[in-house]
């Protein structure tokens, strides 16, 4: 996100009072931190990778592939602890669901989807 885009977001918030949530871009915080005016105006920060990870994973699986909920939780938590977090998990879930008819289990489809996506970590 460019400096002018960040400034627009803060100006929009100041003018409207509308809450702003920057989701899935932890690197934006580093850029905001460099600007005292922006940094002093930010509020809550919630890490997806921490204790709440399991609930976030459960919710995402229940939305995108509820039939696989029981078999994917552990592998899905590994995905959200890496780069991309929930966005990466959503992409992997959707691909796994699409290719699942050719596999014996949702977990096998999820693992196969992992190998088809650009990832720099093993599942």
N, C-alpha and C. Protein backbone atom coordinates (compact mmCIF):
# COMPACT_ATOMS: atom_id res chain seq x y z
N UNK A 1 0.85 -1.16 0.00
CA UNK A 1 0.00 0.00 0.00
C UNK A 1 0.91 1.24 0.00
N UNK A 2 0.66 2.12 -0.93
CA UNK A 2 1.49 3.32 -1.03
C UNK A 2 1.21 4.28 0.11
N UNK A 3 2.11 5.23 0.30
CA UNK A 3 1.93 6.23 1.35
C UNK A 3 0.68 7.05 1.11
N UNK A 4 0.41 7.41 -0.14
CA UNK A 4 -0.80 8.20 -0.42
C UNK A 4 -2.07 7.37 -0.20
N UNK A 5 -2.01 6.08 -0.45
CA UNK A 5 -3.18 5.22 -0.19
C UNK A 5 -3.43 5.12 1.31
N UNK A 6 -2.37 4.97 2.08
CA UNK A 6 -2.55 4.94 3.54
C UNK A 6 -3.10 6.26 4.04
N UNK A 7 -2.60 7.37 3.50
CA UNK A 7 -3.10 8.67 3.93
C UNK A 7 -4.58 8.83 3.59
N UNK A 8 -4.98 8.34 2.41
CA UNK A 8 -6.39 8.41 2.02
C UNK A 8 -7.26 7.66 3.03
N UNK A 9 -6.81 6.48 3.46
CA UNK A 9 -7.58 5.69 4.43
C UNK A 9 -7.74 6.48 5.73
N UNK A 10 -6.67 7.06 6.21
CA UNK A 10 -6.76 7.82 7.46
C UNK A 10 -7.62 9.08 7.30
N UNK A 11 -7.52 9.75 6.15
CA UNK A 11 -8.35 10.92 5.89
C UNK A 11 -9.83 10.53 5.82
N UNK A 12 -10.10 9.40 5.17
CA UNK A 12 -11.47 8.91 5.08
C UNK A 12 -12.02 8.63 6.48
N UNK A 13 -11.23 7.97 7.30
CA UNK A 13 -11.66 7.68 8.67
C UNK A 13 -11.92 8.98 9.44
N UNK A 14 -11.03 9.95 9.33
CA UNK A 14 -11.19 11.21 10.04
C UNK A 14 -12.46 11.94 9.59
N UNK A 15 -12.75 11.90 8.29
CA UNK A 15 -13.89 12.63 7.76
C UNK A 15 -15.22 11.96 8.06
N UNK A 16 -15.22 10.62 8.15
CA UNK A 16 -16.48 9.89 8.28
C UNK A 16 -16.68 9.23 9.64
N UNK A 17 -15.59 8.97 10.35
CA UNK A 17 -15.68 8.23 11.60
C UNK A 17 -15.88 6.74 11.38
N UNK A 18 -15.83 6.33 10.13
CA UNK A 18 -16.02 4.92 9.77
C UNK A 18 -14.80 4.12 10.23
N UNK A 19 -15.02 3.03 10.96
CA UNK A 19 -13.89 2.19 11.37
C UNK A 19 -13.21 1.56 10.14
N UNK A 20 -11.94 1.39 10.23
CA UNK A 20 -11.16 0.80 9.14
C UNK A 20 -10.47 -0.45 9.68
N UNK A 21 -10.56 -1.52 8.92
CA UNK A 21 -9.86 -2.76 9.28
C UNK A 21 -8.94 -3.12 8.13
N UNK A 22 -7.68 -3.26 8.41
CA UNK A 22 -6.71 -3.70 7.42
C UNK A 22 -6.41 -5.16 7.71
N UNK A 23 -6.99 -6.02 6.93
CA UNK A 23 -6.94 -7.46 7.20
C UNK A 23 -6.00 -8.14 6.22
N UNK A 24 -5.13 -8.97 6.74
CA UNK A 24 -4.30 -9.81 5.90
C UNK A 24 -3.06 -9.15 5.36
N UNK A 25 -2.70 -7.99 5.87
CA UNK A 25 -1.51 -7.29 5.40
C UNK A 25 -0.67 -6.81 6.56
N UNK A 26 -0.05 -7.71 7.30
CA UNK A 26 0.71 -7.29 8.47
C UNK A 26 1.87 -6.35 8.14
N UNK A 27 2.36 -6.38 6.91
CA UNK A 27 3.47 -5.50 6.54
C UNK A 27 3.05 -4.04 6.50
N UNK A 28 1.75 -3.75 6.38
CA UNK A 28 1.26 -2.37 6.37
C UNK A 28 1.57 -1.70 7.71
N UNK A 29 1.52 -2.46 8.77
CA UNK A 29 1.80 -1.90 10.09
C UNK A 29 3.20 -1.30 10.16
N UNK A 30 4.15 -1.92 9.52
CA UNK A 30 5.52 -1.38 9.50
C UNK A 30 5.56 -0.03 8.81
N UNK A 31 4.83 0.10 7.71
CA UNK A 31 4.79 1.37 6.99
C UNK A 31 4.07 2.44 7.81
N UNK A 32 2.99 2.06 8.47
CA UNK A 32 2.24 3.00 9.31
C UNK A 32 3.10 3.45 10.48
N UNK A 33 3.88 2.53 11.02
CA UNK A 33 4.74 2.84 12.17
C UNK A 33 5.75 3.95 11.84
N UNK A 34 6.12 4.08 10.57
CA UNK A 34 7.09 5.09 10.15
C UNK A 34 6.51 6.51 10.16
N UNK A 35 5.20 6.64 10.22
CA UNK A 35 4.54 7.95 10.20
C UNK A 35 3.87 8.17 11.56
N UNK A 36 4.40 9.10 12.35
CA UNK A 36 3.89 9.32 13.71
C UNK A 36 2.40 9.65 13.73
N UNK A 37 1.93 10.47 12.79
CA UNK A 37 0.52 10.85 12.78
C UNK A 37 -0.37 9.64 12.51
N UNK A 38 0.03 8.80 11.57
CA UNK A 38 -0.76 7.61 11.29
C UNK A 38 -0.67 6.61 12.44
N UNK A 39 0.52 6.40 12.93
CA UNK A 39 0.72 5.41 13.98
C UNK A 39 -0.06 5.74 15.24
N UNK A 40 -0.15 7.03 15.57
CA UNK A 40 -0.88 7.42 16.78
C UNK A 40 -2.39 7.27 16.62
N UNK A 41 -2.87 7.06 15.40
CA UNK A 41 -4.30 6.95 15.16
C UNK A 41 -4.79 5.52 15.00
N UNK A 42 -3.89 4.56 14.99
CA UNK A 42 -4.35 3.18 14.83
C UNK A 42 -4.82 2.63 16.16
N UNK A 43 -5.67 1.63 16.09
CA UNK A 43 -6.26 1.09 17.31
C UNK A 43 -5.86 -0.34 17.55
N UNK A 44 -6.81 -1.21 17.52
CA UNK A 44 -6.62 -2.60 17.89
C UNK A 44 -5.88 -3.39 16.82
N UNK A 45 -5.13 -4.34 17.28
CA UNK A 45 -4.44 -5.27 16.39
C UNK A 45 -4.78 -6.67 16.85
N UNK A 46 -5.17 -7.53 15.92
CA UNK A 46 -5.51 -8.90 16.25
C UNK A 46 -4.66 -9.84 15.40
N UNK A 47 -3.92 -10.69 16.05
CA UNK A 47 -3.10 -11.68 15.35
C UNK A 47 -3.93 -12.92 15.09
N UNK A 48 -3.92 -13.37 13.86
CA UNK A 48 -4.64 -14.58 13.50
C UNK A 48 -3.83 -15.82 13.89
N UNK A 49 -2.53 -15.67 14.00
CA UNK A 49 -1.67 -16.81 14.23
C UNK A 49 -1.64 -17.30 15.68
N UNK A 50 -2.25 -16.60 16.59
CA UNK A 50 -2.15 -16.94 18.00
C UNK A 50 -3.21 -17.90 18.48
N UNK A 51 -3.68 -17.67 19.71
CA UNK A 51 -4.63 -18.57 20.35
C UNK A 51 -5.96 -18.67 19.63
N UNK A 52 -6.36 -17.63 18.91
CA UNK A 52 -7.64 -17.64 18.23
C UNK A 52 -7.58 -18.35 16.88
N UNK A 53 -6.44 -18.87 16.52
CA UNK A 53 -6.27 -19.47 15.20
C UNK A 53 -7.25 -20.61 14.95
N UNK A 54 -7.46 -21.45 15.92
CA UNK A 54 -8.34 -22.61 15.73
C UNK A 54 -9.77 -22.18 15.42
N UNK A 55 -10.28 -21.17 16.11
CA UNK A 55 -11.64 -20.69 15.86
C UNK A 55 -11.74 -20.07 14.47
N UNK A 56 -10.70 -19.33 14.06
CA UNK A 56 -10.70 -18.72 12.73
C UNK A 56 -10.68 -19.80 11.64
N UNK A 57 -9.88 -20.83 11.85
CA UNK A 57 -9.82 -21.93 10.89
C UNK A 57 -11.15 -22.65 10.81
N UNK A 58 -11.74 -22.95 11.95
CA UNK A 58 -13.03 -23.64 11.97
C UNK A 58 -14.08 -22.86 11.19
N UNK A 59 -14.10 -21.56 11.40
CA UNK A 59 -15.08 -20.72 10.72
C UNK A 59 -14.85 -20.72 9.21
N UNK A 60 -13.61 -20.58 8.78
CA UNK A 60 -13.32 -20.54 7.35
C UNK A 60 -13.64 -21.87 6.68
N UNK A 61 -13.31 -22.96 7.33
CA UNK A 61 -13.64 -24.28 6.77
C UNK A 61 -15.15 -24.45 6.71
N UNK A 62 -15.86 -24.04 7.73
CA UNK A 62 -17.32 -24.21 7.74
C UNK A 62 -17.99 -23.39 6.64
N UNK A 63 -17.38 -22.30 6.25
CA UNK A 63 -17.92 -21.49 5.16
C UNK A 63 -17.63 -22.12 3.80
N UNK A 64 -16.39 -22.55 3.58
CA UNK A 64 -15.96 -22.94 2.25
C UNK A 64 -15.98 -24.44 1.96
N UNK A 65 -15.90 -25.27 3.00
CA UNK A 65 -15.91 -26.71 2.76
C UNK A 65 -16.34 -27.43 4.04
N UNK A 66 -17.59 -27.25 4.44
CA UNK A 66 -18.05 -27.81 5.72
C UNK A 66 -17.91 -29.32 5.83
N UNK A 67 -18.02 -30.02 4.73
CA UNK A 67 -17.92 -31.49 4.77
C UNK A 67 -16.54 -31.96 5.20
N UNK A 68 -15.55 -31.10 5.09
CA UNK A 68 -14.18 -31.49 5.42
C UNK A 68 -13.74 -31.00 6.79
N UNK A 69 -14.64 -30.43 7.55
CA UNK A 69 -14.29 -29.76 8.80
C UNK A 69 -13.51 -30.65 9.76
N UNK A 70 -13.93 -31.88 9.94
CA UNK A 70 -13.29 -32.75 10.94
C UNK A 70 -11.89 -33.18 10.55
N UNK A 71 -11.60 -33.25 9.26
CA UNK A 71 -10.31 -33.82 8.85
C UNK A 71 -9.24 -32.79 8.52
N UNK A 72 -9.57 -31.51 8.47
CA UNK A 72 -8.59 -30.54 8.00
C UNK A 72 -8.03 -29.60 9.05
N UNK A 73 -8.56 -29.58 10.23
CA UNK A 73 -8.21 -28.55 11.20
C UNK A 73 -6.71 -28.44 11.43
N UNK A 74 -6.04 -29.52 11.74
CA UNK A 74 -4.60 -29.47 12.04
C UNK A 74 -3.77 -28.96 10.88
N UNK A 75 -4.05 -29.46 9.68
CA UNK A 75 -3.30 -29.01 8.50
C UNK A 75 -3.62 -27.56 8.18
N UNK A 76 -4.86 -27.17 8.37
CA UNK A 76 -5.27 -25.80 8.07
C UNK A 76 -4.61 -24.80 9.02
N UNK A 77 -4.44 -25.18 10.27
CA UNK A 77 -3.76 -24.30 11.22
C UNK A 77 -2.32 -24.07 10.79
N UNK A 78 -1.66 -25.10 10.25
CA UNK A 78 -0.29 -24.92 9.76
C UNK A 78 -0.25 -23.88 8.64
N UNK A 79 -1.27 -23.88 7.78
CA UNK A 79 -1.29 -22.93 6.66
C UNK A 79 -1.42 -21.50 7.17
N UNK A 80 -2.28 -21.25 8.14
CA UNK A 80 -2.48 -19.86 8.57
C UNK A 80 -1.33 -19.32 9.41
N UNK A 81 -0.45 -20.19 9.84
CA UNK A 81 0.72 -19.72 10.58
C UNK A 81 1.84 -19.28 9.65
N UNK A 82 1.64 -19.46 8.36
CA UNK A 82 2.64 -19.08 7.36
C UNK A 82 2.19 -17.81 6.63
N UNK A 83 2.97 -17.40 5.66
CA UNK A 83 2.65 -16.19 4.89
C UNK A 83 1.30 -16.34 4.19
N UNK A 84 0.53 -15.29 4.19
CA UNK A 84 -0.78 -15.32 3.56
C UNK A 84 -1.90 -15.57 4.53
N UNK A 85 -1.60 -16.26 5.63
CA UNK A 85 -2.54 -16.49 6.72
C UNK A 85 -3.89 -17.01 6.22
N UNK A 86 -4.99 -16.35 6.58
CA UNK A 86 -6.33 -16.83 6.22
C UNK A 86 -6.57 -16.74 4.72
N UNK A 87 -6.00 -15.76 4.06
CA UNK A 87 -6.16 -15.65 2.60
C UNK A 87 -5.56 -16.88 1.91
N UNK A 88 -4.40 -17.31 2.36
CA UNK A 88 -3.77 -18.50 1.79
C UNK A 88 -4.61 -19.74 2.08
N UNK A 89 -5.17 -19.81 3.28
CA UNK A 89 -6.00 -20.96 3.62
C UNK A 89 -7.24 -21.01 2.75
N UNK A 90 -7.88 -19.87 2.55
CA UNK A 90 -9.08 -19.85 1.72
C UNK A 90 -8.77 -20.35 0.31
N UNK A 91 -7.68 -19.88 -0.27
CA UNK A 91 -7.30 -20.31 -1.61
C UNK A 91 -7.06 -21.81 -1.65
N UNK A 92 -6.39 -22.33 -0.63
CA UNK A 92 -6.10 -23.76 -0.59
C UNK A 92 -7.37 -24.58 -0.38
N UNK A 93 -8.27 -24.11 0.47
CA UNK A 93 -9.53 -24.80 0.70
C UNK A 93 -10.36 -24.89 -0.58
N UNK A 94 -10.46 -23.78 -1.29
CA UNK A 94 -11.27 -23.77 -2.51
C UNK A 94 -10.69 -24.71 -3.57
N UNK A 95 -9.37 -24.70 -3.72
CA UNK A 95 -8.75 -25.60 -4.68
C UNK A 95 -8.93 -27.06 -4.24
N UNK A 96 -8.71 -27.34 -2.97
CA UNK A 96 -8.86 -28.71 -2.47
C UNK A 96 -10.28 -29.21 -2.66
N UNK A 97 -11.25 -28.37 -2.38
CA UNK A 97 -12.65 -28.75 -2.57
C UNK A 97 -12.92 -29.08 -4.03
N UNK A 98 -12.36 -28.28 -4.94
CA UNK A 98 -12.58 -28.51 -6.37
C UNK A 98 -11.95 -29.80 -6.86
N UNK A 99 -10.78 -30.15 -6.33
CA UNK A 99 -10.10 -31.36 -6.81
C UNK A 99 -10.41 -32.59 -5.96
N UNK A 100 -11.19 -32.42 -4.91
CA UNK A 100 -11.44 -33.52 -3.97
C UNK A 100 -12.07 -34.77 -4.58
N UNK A 101 -12.89 -34.69 -5.63
CA UNK A 101 -13.46 -35.93 -6.17
C UNK A 101 -12.42 -36.93 -6.66
N UNK A 102 -11.21 -36.47 -6.94
CA UNK A 102 -10.18 -37.39 -7.42
C UNK A 102 -9.30 -37.95 -6.30
N UNK A 103 -9.65 -37.65 -5.05
CA UNK A 103 -8.87 -38.13 -3.91
C UNK A 103 -9.74 -38.92 -2.95
N UNK A 104 -9.10 -39.74 -2.11
CA UNK A 104 -9.83 -40.60 -1.18
C UNK A 104 -10.34 -39.86 0.05
N UNK A 105 -9.72 -38.74 0.39
CA UNK A 105 -10.14 -38.01 1.60
C UNK A 105 -9.93 -36.52 1.40
N UNK A 106 -10.64 -35.72 2.18
CA UNK A 106 -10.41 -34.27 2.12
C UNK A 106 -8.97 -33.89 2.46
N UNK A 107 -8.36 -34.61 3.40
CA UNK A 107 -6.98 -34.29 3.77
C UNK A 107 -6.04 -34.52 2.59
N UNK A 108 -6.22 -35.61 1.85
CA UNK A 108 -5.38 -35.86 0.68
C UNK A 108 -5.57 -34.76 -0.36
N UNK A 109 -6.80 -34.31 -0.56
CA UNK A 109 -7.07 -33.23 -1.51
C UNK A 109 -6.42 -31.93 -1.03
N UNK A 110 -6.49 -31.68 0.27
CA UNK A 110 -5.89 -30.48 0.84
C UNK A 110 -4.38 -30.49 0.66
N UNK A 111 -3.77 -31.64 0.89
CA UNK A 111 -2.32 -31.77 0.72
C UNK A 111 -1.93 -31.61 -0.76
N UNK A 112 -2.74 -32.16 -1.65
CA UNK A 112 -2.47 -32.02 -3.09
C UNK A 112 -2.62 -30.56 -3.52
N UNK A 113 -3.62 -29.88 -2.99
CA UNK A 113 -3.80 -28.47 -3.31
C UNK A 113 -2.59 -27.66 -2.86
N UNK A 114 -2.04 -28.04 -1.73
CA UNK A 114 -0.85 -27.35 -1.21
C UNK A 114 0.30 -27.45 -2.20
N UNK A 115 0.47 -28.60 -2.83
CA UNK A 115 1.58 -28.78 -3.77
C UNK A 115 1.33 -28.04 -5.08
N UNK A 116 0.08 -27.76 -5.40
CA UNK A 116 -0.24 -27.06 -6.65
C UNK A 116 -0.12 -25.54 -6.50
N UNK A 117 -0.17 -25.05 -5.29
CA UNK A 117 -0.08 -23.61 -5.03
C UNK A 117 1.37 -23.21 -4.77
N UNK A 118 1.68 -21.96 -4.99
CA UNK A 118 3.03 -21.46 -4.70
C UNK A 118 3.16 -21.31 -3.20
N UNK A 119 3.94 -22.18 -2.61
CA UNK A 119 4.17 -22.16 -1.18
C UNK A 119 5.66 -22.36 -0.93
N UNK A 120 6.17 -21.71 0.10
CA UNK A 120 7.59 -21.87 0.43
C UNK A 120 7.79 -22.62 1.74
N UNK A 121 6.84 -23.49 2.05
CA UNK A 121 6.94 -24.31 3.25
C UNK A 121 6.23 -25.64 2.99
N UNK A 122 6.62 -26.64 3.74
CA UNK A 122 6.01 -27.96 3.62
C UNK A 122 4.80 -28.04 4.55
N UNK A 123 3.84 -28.82 4.17
CA UNK A 123 2.66 -28.99 4.99
C UNK A 123 2.83 -30.14 5.90
